[in-house]
Amino acid sequence: MVRIRFFASLKDLVGGSEMEMKLEQETSVRSILHQLKARFPELKKYEPVLLVAVNQNYSGFDASVSPGDEVAFFPPLSGGRR
């Protein structure tokens, strides 16, 4: 299993802040995202700007993911107070 976490507007899009995905062998973040887009087609519009972390380290879509890992997806964040 892989723990998938979603932040900001992605939580609303997928209906929660995290989920588990069955994973029996090493794969890539890109493959996981492909499976998520099949389930949540609206994720496609975020793909060009998504940030991703594997085990709390920023990474890219070609990063390896193994069973037991955590993958987090973030839309770009902006704003804040002055």
Protein backbone atom coordinates (compact mmCIF):
# COMPACT_ATOMS: atom_id res chain seq x y z
CA MET A 1 0.00 0.00 0.00
CA VAL A 2 0.99 3.61 -0.59
CA ARG A 3 -0.42 6.51 1.38
CA ILE A 4 -1.52 9.36 -0.91
CA ARG A 5 -2.00 12.82 0.62
CA PHE A 6 -3.72 15.82 -0.95
CA PHE A 7 -3.40 19.45 0.08
CA ALA A 8 -5.33 22.70 -0.47
CA SER A 9 -7.89 22.60 -3.29
CA LEU A 10 -6.94 19.03 -4.21
CA LYS A 11 -8.59 17.80 -0.99
CA ASP A 12 -11.95 19.09 -2.22
CA LEU A 13 -11.40 17.69 -5.68
CA VAL A 14 -10.81 14.12 -4.46
CA GLY A 15 -13.10 14.28 -1.43
CA GLY A 16 -10.53 13.98 1.33
CA SER A 17 -7.04 14.70 2.49
CA GLU A 18 -5.65 11.19 2.07
CA MET A 19 -6.25 7.74 0.69
CA GLU A 20 -4.42 4.46 0.31
CA MET A 21 -3.59 2.85 -2.99
CA LYS A 22 -2.66 -0.78 -3.45
CA LEU A 23 0.91 -1.10 -4.66
CA GLU A 24 2.74 -4.42 -4.81
CA GLN A 25 5.89 -3.33 -6.60
CA GLU A 26 7.93 -0.21 -7.22
CA THR A 27 6.41 2.29 -9.62
CA SER A 28 6.70 6.00 -10.44
CA VAL A 29 4.80 9.04 -9.22
CA ARG A 30 3.69 9.49 -12.84
CA SER A 31 2.05 6.05 -12.83
CA ILE A 32 0.24 6.82 -9.58
CA LEU A 33 -0.95 10.16 -10.95
CA HIS A 34 -2.18 8.41 -14.10
CA GLN A 35 -4.32 6.08 -11.96
CA LEU A 36 -5.62 9.01 -9.93
CA LYS A 37 -6.57 10.96 -13.08
CA ALA A 38 -8.62 7.97 -14.26
CA ARG A 39 -10.57 8.13 -11.00
CA PHE A 40 -10.64 11.94 -10.67
CA PRO A 41 -10.50 13.42 -14.21
CA GLU A 42 -10.42 17.01 -12.88
CA LEU A 43 -6.85 16.36 -11.68
CA LYS A 44 -5.74 16.69 -15.32
CA LYS A 45 -6.03 20.47 -15.21
CA TYR A 46 -3.62 20.60 -12.24
CA GLU A 47 -0.99 18.29 -13.73
CA PRO A 48 1.16 21.00 -15.37
CA VAL A 49 1.58 22.83 -12.06
CA LEU A 50 1.42 20.06 -9.44
CA LEU A 51 4.12 19.78 -6.84
CA VAL A 52 4.87 16.34 -5.45
CA ALA A 53 6.72 14.92 -2.47
CA VAL A 54 7.71 11.32 -1.77
CA ASN A 55 8.29 10.55 1.90
CA GLN A 56 8.24 14.29 2.70
CA ASN A 57 10.95 15.16 0.16
CA TYR A 58 10.05 17.21 -2.91
CA SER A 59 10.52 15.15 -6.04
CA GLY A 60 9.43 14.88 -9.65
CA PHE A 61 7.00 12.70 -11.54
CA ASP A 62 9.74 10.20 -12.42
CA ALA A 63 10.55 9.53 -8.74
CA SER A 64 10.28 5.92 -7.60
CA VAL A 65 7.58 4.89 -5.17
CA SER A 66 7.69 1.63 -3.22
CA PRO A 67 5.09 -0.10 -1.07
CA GLY A 68 4.90 1.66 2.30
CA ASP A 69 5.86 5.09 0.90
CA GLU A 70 3.88 8.30 1.18
CA VAL A 71 3.17 10.48 -1.85
CA ALA A 72 1.82 14.01 -1.42
CA PHE A 73 0.35 16.25 -4.12
CA PHE A 74 0.20 20.03 -3.77
CA PRO A 75 -1.19 22.69 -6.07
CA PRO A 76 1.03 25.78 -6.22
CA LEU A 77 0.35 27.92 -3.19
CA SER A 78 0.35 31.66 -3.04
CA GLY A 79 -0.98 34.41 -0.90
CA GLY A 80 -0.40 35.17 2.72
CA ARG A 81 -0.54 38.32 4.76
CA ARG A 82 1.62 41.37 4.67
